[in-house]
Amino acid sequence: MNVKVERLLTPVGMSAWKEAFALQQIPRPDEYYELCLAENAAGERITLFACADGRILGAAHLKYRSDYPPFGKQGIPEINDLNVFPEYRRRGIANLLIGELERAAGDRHEVIGIGVGLYADYGAAQRLYSRRGYIPDGRGVMYANRPVVPGSQVSVDDDLVLYLTKRLSPGEGELNGTGRTKRSGHLGGAPHG
C-alpha cells in the first residue's frame, strides 16, 4: 500500500474526512470539522490525512495554540486527535503523521507536545511516543486539562491524559501553501479535496 499524507485545505476534503470518521464510528460534531477547516485556513492548525487508494486511513492535527494551559502559556504546539483506523494500524501510519507534524512545527518551535490517554487502548500510542523521544512534561496526570489532585477520584476515560513534550531539531521544515514541506516535499501527493 502506497500511503500519502495530504493536508486539509478545502470543504471537499473536510467532507471526505467527515465521511471516513462516520464509517469508522468516530463521533465528532459538525462544528468540529468546520472549526478545523477554518483554523487550517487561518494558519492556526494543520490537519493531515494518511491516504491510500483514494481512502483516508487516519488523521492528525497540529494545534499551534494548545487547549492544555501549560502548553498554551509556553507557546508549545500540540499534536492532537491522532486517529489511525483499526485495520491500518501497526503499519507506520501514526509514525508518518507525527513525523510530518514535527517537521511542520520544527521551523517555528523548539518544543512540541502531545497528550496520551492512560488506559490500555492507548498502549500502542504510549510506546510510539516514547520511541519518538517524547517525555512527560512533569505536571502529572490531567483530567479534562486540569491536574488530578492526590486522593481525588476521576473516571478512567479519554479525558484522563498525561502530556508529553519533545525537543525538535531546528530547521526540520515547514508546510507551504501546496500542502508539502518546503524543505523536502514529504507530503507526497496533491492536497486532499
C-alpha atoms as a PDB file:
ATOM      1  CA  MET A   1       0.000   0.000   0.000  1.00  0.00           C
ATOM      2  CA  ASN A   2       1.371   3.393  -1.037  1.00  0.00           C
ATOM      3  CA  VAL A   3       0.432   5.802   1.778  1.00  0.00           C
ATOM      4  CA  LYS A   4       0.464   9.534   1.068  1.00  0.00           C
ATOM      5  CA  VAL A   5      -0.068  12.361   3.500  1.00  0.00           C
ATOM      6  CA  GLU A   6      -2.407  15.137   2.434  1.00  0.00           C
ATOM      7  CA  ARG A   7      -3.426  18.368   4.090  1.00  0.00           C
ATOM      8  CA  LEU A   8      -6.958  19.578   4.791  1.00  0.00           C
ATOM      9  CA  LEU A   9      -7.393  22.620   2.573  1.00  0.00           C
ATOM     10  CA  THR A  10     -10.965  22.597   1.192  1.00  0.00           C
ATOM     11  CA  PRO A  11     -14.577  21.817   2.132  1.00  0.00           C
ATOM     12  CA  VAL A  12     -14.383  18.771  -0.176  1.00  0.00           C
ATOM     13  CA  GLY A  13     -11.501  17.414   1.921  1.00  0.00           C
ATOM     14  CA  MET A  14     -13.495  18.155   5.071  1.00  0.00           C
ATOM     15  CA  SER A  15     -16.473  16.191   3.737  1.00  0.00           C
ATOM     16  CA  ALA A  16     -14.302  13.185   2.819  1.00  0.00           C
ATOM     17  CA  TRP A  17     -12.775  13.246   6.320  1.00  0.00           C
ATOM     18  CA  LYS A  18     -16.184  13.537   7.983  1.00  0.00           C
ATOM     19  CA  GLU A  19     -17.473  10.575   5.942  1.00  0.00           C
ATOM     20  CA  ALA A  20     -14.397   8.458   6.774  1.00  0.00           C
ATOM     21  CA  PHE A  21     -14.815   9.149  10.506  1.00  0.00           C
ATOM     22  CA  ALA A  22     -18.553   8.328  10.313  1.00  0.00           C
ATOM     23  CA  LEU A  23     -17.767   4.982   8.647  1.00  0.00           C
ATOM     24  CA  GLN A  24     -15.293   4.227  11.461  1.00  0.00           C
ATOM     25  CA  GLN A  25     -17.839   5.322  14.081  1.00  0.00           C
ATOM     26  CA  ILE A  26     -15.565   8.079  15.391  1.00  0.00           C
ATOM     27  CA  PRO A  27     -18.097  10.650  16.613  1.00  0.00           C
ATOM     28  CA  ARG A  28     -17.370  14.324  16.073  1.00  0.00           C
ATOM     29  CA  PRO A  29     -19.929  17.160  15.850  1.00  0.00           C
ATOM     30  CA  ASP A  30     -20.245  19.008  12.531  1.00  0.00           C
ATOM     31  CA  GLU A  31     -18.869  22.117  14.233  1.00  0.00           C
ATOM     32  CA  TYR A  32     -15.588  20.291  14.909  1.00  0.00           C
ATOM     33  CA  TYR A  33     -14.930  19.702  11.211  1.00  0.00           C
ATOM     34  CA  GLU A  34     -15.860  23.282  10.339  1.00  0.00           C
ATOM     35  CA  LEU A  35     -13.617  24.657  13.111  1.00  0.00           C
ATOM     36  CA  CYS A  36     -10.689  22.557  11.886  1.00  0.00           C
ATOM     37  CA  LEU A  37     -11.134  23.753   8.298  1.00  0.00           C
ATOM     38  CA  ALA A  38     -11.342  27.397   9.449  1.00  0.00           C
ATOM     39  CA  GLU A  39      -8.266  27.046  11.688  1.00  0.00           C
ATOM     40  CA  ASN A  40      -6.324  25.436   8.831  1.00  0.00           C
ATOM     41  CA  ALA A  41      -7.246  28.369   6.577  1.00  0.00           C
ATOM     42  CA  ALA A  42      -6.188  30.845   9.300  1.00  0.00           C
ATOM     43  CA  GLY A  43      -2.835  29.086   9.896  1.00  0.00           C
ATOM     44  CA  GLU A  44      -3.769  28.131  13.485  1.00  0.00           C
ATOM     45  CA  ARG A  45      -3.870  24.373  12.834  1.00  0.00           C
ATOM     46  CA  ILE A  46      -2.563  21.808  10.387  1.00  0.00           C
ATOM     47  CA  THR A  47      -4.782  18.814   9.715  1.00  0.00           C
ATOM     48  CA  LEU A  48      -3.185  15.906   7.872  1.00  0.00           C
ATOM     49  CA  PHE A  49      -4.689  12.744   6.429  1.00  0.00           C
ATOM     50  CA  ALA A  50      -2.926   9.490   5.657  1.00  0.00           C
ATOM     51  CA  CYS A  51      -4.432   8.250   2.378  1.00  0.00           C
ATOM     52  CA  ALA A  52      -4.104   5.281   0.051  1.00  0.00           C
ATOM     53  CA  ASP A  53      -6.134   4.236  -2.979  1.00  0.00           C
ATOM     54  CA  GLY A  54      -8.448   7.226  -2.547  1.00  0.00           C
ATOM     55  CA  ARG A  55      -9.274   6.340   1.066  1.00  0.00           C
ATOM     56  CA  ILE A  56      -8.475   8.174   4.280  1.00  0.00           C
ATOM     57  CA  LEU A  57      -6.690   5.784   6.661  1.00  0.00           C
ATOM     58  CA  GLY A  58      -6.195   8.195   9.550  1.00  0.00           C
ATOM     59  CA  ALA A  59      -5.821  11.828  10.551  1.00  0.00           C
ATOM     60  CA  ALA A  60      -3.920  14.051  12.965  1.00  0.00           C
ATOM     61  CA  HIS A  61      -3.670  17.735  13.834  1.00  0.00           C
ATOM     62  CA  LEU A  62      -1.050  20.221  14.912  1.00  0.00           C
ATOM     63  CA  LYS A  63      -2.659  22.942  17.006  1.00  0.00           C
ATOM     64  CA  TYR A  64      -0.415  25.980  17.239  1.00  0.00           C
ATOM     65  CA  ARG A  65      -2.466  27.160  20.250  1.00  0.00           C
ATOM     66  CA  SER A  66      -2.978  24.222  22.580  1.00  0.00           C
ATOM     67  CA  ASP A  67      -6.037  23.988  24.821  1.00  0.00           C
ATOM     68  CA  TYR A  68      -3.799  22.492  27.512  1.00  0.00           C
ATOM     69  CA  PRO A  69      -2.974  25.589  29.631  1.00  0.00           C
ATOM     70  CA  PRO A  70       0.759  24.900  30.262  1.00  0.00           C
ATOM     71  CA  PHE A  71       1.388  24.364  26.525  1.00  0.00           C
ATOM     72  CA  GLY A  72      -0.746  27.392  25.659  1.00  0.00           C
ATOM     73  CA  LYS A  73       1.160  29.662  28.063  1.00  0.00           C
ATOM     74  CA  GLN A  74       4.537  28.482  26.760  1.00  0.00           C
ATOM     75  CA  GLY A  75       3.558  28.602  23.074  1.00  0.00           C
ATOM     76  CA  ILE A  76       4.100  24.851  22.648  1.00  0.00           C
ATOM     77  CA  PRO A  77       2.165  23.471  19.662  1.00  0.00           C
ATOM     78  CA  GLU A  78       0.279  20.241  20.309  1.00  0.00           C
ATOM     79  CA  ILE A  79      -0.241  17.172  18.162  1.00  0.00           C
ATOM     80  CA  ASN A  80      -3.907  16.462  18.747  1.00  0.00           C
ATOM     81  CA  ASP A  81      -6.641  13.953  17.911  1.00  0.00           C
ATOM     82  CA  LEU A  82      -4.397  11.394  16.195  1.00  0.00           C
ATOM     83  CA  ASN A  83      -6.509   8.571  14.783  1.00  0.00           C
ATOM     84  CA  VAL A  84      -5.446   5.669  12.589  1.00  0.00           C
ATOM     85  CA  PHE A  85      -8.317   3.388  11.638  1.00  0.00           C
ATOM     86  CA  PRO A  86      -8.005  -0.072  13.239  1.00  0.00           C
ATOM     87  CA  GLU A  87      -7.464  -2.052  10.029  1.00  0.00           C
ATOM     88  CA  TYR A  88      -4.466   0.169   9.132  1.00  0.00           C
ATOM     89  CA  ARG A  89      -2.684   0.185  12.492  1.00  0.00           C
ATOM     90  CA  ARG A  90       0.806  -1.246  13.012  1.00  0.00           C
ATOM     91  CA  ARG A  91       1.838  -0.149   9.509  1.00  0.00           C
ATOM     92  CA  GLY A  92       3.752   3.014  10.452  1.00  0.00           C
ATOM     93  CA  ILE A  93       0.914   5.414   9.617  1.00  0.00           C
ATOM     94  CA  ALA A  94       0.802   7.138  13.032  1.00  0.00           C
ATOM     95  CA  ASN A  95       4.587   7.455  12.906  1.00  0.00           C
ATOM     96  CA  LEU A  96       4.340   9.027   9.430  1.00  0.00           C
ATOM     97  CA  LEU A  97       1.711  11.564  10.529  1.00  0.00           C
ATOM     98  CA  ILE A  98       3.653  12.502  13.666  1.00  0.00           C
ATOM     99  CA  GLY A  99       6.858  12.942  11.662  1.00  0.00           C
ATOM    100  CA  GLU A 100       5.156  15.303   9.227  1.00  0.00           C
ATOM    101  CA  LEU A 101       3.644  17.359  12.054  1.00  0.00           C
ATOM    102  CA  GLU A 102       7.001  17.532  13.831  1.00  0.00           C
ATOM    103  CA  ARG A 103       8.593  18.807  10.613  1.00  0.00           C
ATOM    104  CA  ALA A 104       5.819  21.366  10.231  1.00  0.00           C
ATOM    105  CA  ALA A 105       6.417  22.671  13.756  1.00  0.00           C
ATOM    106  CA  GLY A 106      10.224  22.474  13.579  1.00  0.00           C
ATOM    107  CA  ASP A 107      10.987  25.794  11.887  1.00  0.00           C
ATOM    108  CA  ARG A 108       8.994  27.908  14.332  1.00  0.00           C
ATOM    109  CA  HIS A 109       9.153  25.938  17.571  1.00  0.00           C
ATOM    110  CA  GLU A 110      11.825  24.225  19.640  1.00  0.00           C
ATOM    111  CA  VAL A 111       9.395  22.008  21.544  1.00  0.00           C
ATOM    112  CA  ILE A 112       6.247  20.120  20.553  1.00  0.00           C
ATOM    113  CA  GLY A 113       3.683  18.476  22.816  1.00  0.00           C
ATOM    114  CA  ILE A 114       1.193  15.635  22.746  1.00  0.00           C
ATOM    115  CA  GLY A 115      -1.271  14.130  25.195  1.00  0.00           C
ATOM    116  CA  VAL A 116      -1.831  10.416  25.648  1.00  0.00           C
ATOM    117  CA  GLY A 117      -4.607   8.520  27.351  1.00  0.00           C
ATOM    118  CA  LEU A 118      -3.820   6.254  30.274  1.00  0.00           C
ATOM    119  CA  TYR A 119      -5.861   3.101  29.748  1.00  0.00           C
ATOM    120  CA  ALA A 120      -4.973   0.010  27.706  1.00  0.00           C
ATOM    121  CA  ASP A 121      -6.454   1.264  24.407  1.00  0.00           C
ATOM    122  CA  TYR A 122      -3.642   3.856  24.371  1.00  0.00           C
ATOM    123  CA  GLY A 123      -0.835   1.348  24.981  1.00  0.00           C
ATOM    124  CA  ALA A 124       0.467   1.396  21.384  1.00  0.00           C
ATOM    125  CA  ALA A 125       0.411   5.205  21.369  1.00  0.00           C
ATOM    126  CA  GLN A 126       2.263   5.359  24.692  1.00  0.00           C
ATOM    127  CA  ARG A 127       5.028   3.139  23.292  1.00  0.00           C
ATOM    128  CA  LEU A 128       5.205   5.037  19.975  1.00  0.00           C
ATOM    129  CA  TYR A 129       5.545   8.431  21.646  1.00  0.00           C
ATOM    130  CA  SER A 130       8.275   7.112  23.925  1.00  0.00           C
ATOM    131  CA  ARG A 131      10.190   5.692  20.943  1.00  0.00           C
ATOM    132  CA  ARG A 132       9.922   9.059  19.188  1.00  0.00           C
ATOM    133  CA  GLY A 133      11.530  10.819  22.180  1.00  0.00           C
ATOM    134  CA  TYR A 134       8.508  12.277  23.976  1.00  0.00           C
ATOM    135  CA  ILE A 135       8.828  12.589  27.757  1.00  0.00           C
ATOM    136  CA  PRO A 136       6.286  13.611  30.432  1.00  0.00           C
ATOM    137  CA  ASP A 137       6.005  17.373  30.895  1.00  0.00           C
ATOM    138  CA  GLY A 138       6.366  16.919  34.668  1.00  0.00           C
ATOM    139  CA  ARG A 139       2.924  18.195  35.648  1.00  0.00           C
ATOM    140  CA  GLY A 140       1.397  14.783  36.350  1.00  0.00           C
ATOM    141  CA  VAL A 141      -1.874  13.347  35.190  1.00  0.00           C
ATOM    142  CA  MET A 142      -4.626  15.661  33.938  1.00  0.00           C
ATOM    143  CA  TYR A 143      -8.357  15.188  33.694  1.00  0.00           C
ATOM    144  CA  ALA A 144     -10.051  17.496  31.187  1.00  0.00           C
ATOM    145  CA  ASN A 145      -6.836  19.591  31.198  1.00  0.00           C
ATOM    146  CA  ARG A 146      -6.925  20.047  34.994  1.00  0.00           C
ATOM    147  CA  PRO A 147      -4.437  18.463  37.415  1.00  0.00           C
ATOM    148  CA  VAL A 148      -5.597  15.319  39.184  1.00  0.00           C
ATOM    149  CA  VAL A 149      -5.168  16.044  42.881  1.00  0.00           C
ATOM    150  CA  PRO A 150      -3.831  13.202  45.061  1.00  0.00           C
ATOM    151  CA  GLY A 151      -6.697  11.401  46.778  1.00  0.00           C
ATOM    152  CA  SER A 152      -9.292  12.570  44.254  1.00  0.00           C
ATOM    153  CA  GLN A 153     -11.341  10.249  42.056  1.00  0.00           C
ATOM    154  CA  VAL A 154     -11.710  10.642  38.295  1.00  0.00           C
ATOM    155  CA  SER A 155     -13.082   8.474  35.522  1.00  0.00           C
ATOM    156  CA  VAL A 156     -10.601   6.473  33.506  1.00  0.00           C
ATOM    157  CA  ASP A 157     -11.705   7.677  30.077  1.00  0.00           C
ATOM    158  CA  ASP A 158     -10.378   9.716  27.161  1.00  0.00           C
ATOM    159  CA  ASP A 159     -10.130  12.854  29.326  1.00  0.00           C
ATOM    160  CA  LEU A 160      -7.550  11.247  31.646  1.00  0.00           C
ATOM    161  CA  VAL A 161      -4.286  12.256  29.977  1.00  0.00           C
ATOM    162  CA  LEU A 162      -0.563  12.530  30.528  1.00  0.00           C
ATOM    163  CA  TYR A 163       1.022  15.320  28.475  1.00  0.00           C
ATOM    164  CA  LEU A 164       4.418  14.794  26.887  1.00  0.00           C
ATOM    165  CA  THR A 165       6.938  17.051  25.163  1.00  0.00           C
ATOM    166  CA  LYS A 166       9.789  16.620  22.715  1.00  0.00           C
ATOM    167  CA  ARG A 167      12.604  18.964  21.780  1.00  0.00           C
ATOM    168  CA  LEU A 168      12.692  19.463  17.984  1.00  0.00           C
ATOM    169  CA  SER A 169      15.732  19.842  15.771  1.00  0.00           C
ATOM    170  CA  PRO A 170      15.931  23.333  14.242  1.00  0.00           C
ATOM    171  CA  GLY A 171      15.085  23.706  10.555  1.00  0.00           C
ATOM    172  CA  GLU A 172      13.120  20.480  10.223  1.00  0.00           C
ATOM    173  CA  GLY A 173      10.921  22.101   7.548  1.00  0.00           C
ATOM    174  CA  GLU A 174       7.563  23.809   7.307  1.00  0.00           C
ATOM    175  CA  LEU A 175       4.459  23.340   5.231  1.00  0.00           C
ATOM    176  CA  ASN A 176       3.972  25.655   2.292  1.00  0.00           C
ATOM    177  CA  GLY A 177       0.692  26.514   0.560  1.00  0.00           C
ATOM    178  CA  THR A 178       0.733  23.372  -1.595  1.00  0.00           C
ATOM    179  CA  GLY A 179       0.419  21.043   1.383  1.00  0.00           C
ATOM    180  CA  ARG A 180       4.041  19.860   1.071  1.00  0.00           C
ATOM    181  CA  THR A 181       7.011  20.612   3.260  1.00  0.00           C
ATOM    182  CA  LYS A 182       9.186  23.319   1.734  1.00  0.00           C
ATOM    183  CA  ARG A 183      12.371  21.512   2.628  1.00  0.00           C
ATOM    184  CA  SER A 184      11.589  18.094   1.261  1.00  0.00           C
ATOM    185  CA  GLY A 185       8.197  17.797  -0.393  1.00  0.00           C
ATOM    186  CA  HIS A 186       7.480  14.961   2.063  1.00  0.00           C
ATOM    187  CA  LEU A 187       3.717  15.113   1.916  1.00  0.00           C
ATOM    188  CA  GLY A 188       3.733  13.177  -1.352  1.00  0.00           C
ATOM    189  CA  GLY A 189       0.618  13.993  -3.301  1.00  0.00           C
ATOM    190  CA  ALA A 190      -1.827  16.683  -4.126  1.00  0.00           C
ATOM    191  CA  PRO A 191      -3.725  18.273  -1.249  1.00  0.00           C
ATOM    192  CA  HIS A 192      -6.926  16.414  -0.411  1.00  0.00           C
ATOM    193  CA  GLY A 193     -10.055  17.986  -1.719  1.00  0.00           C
END
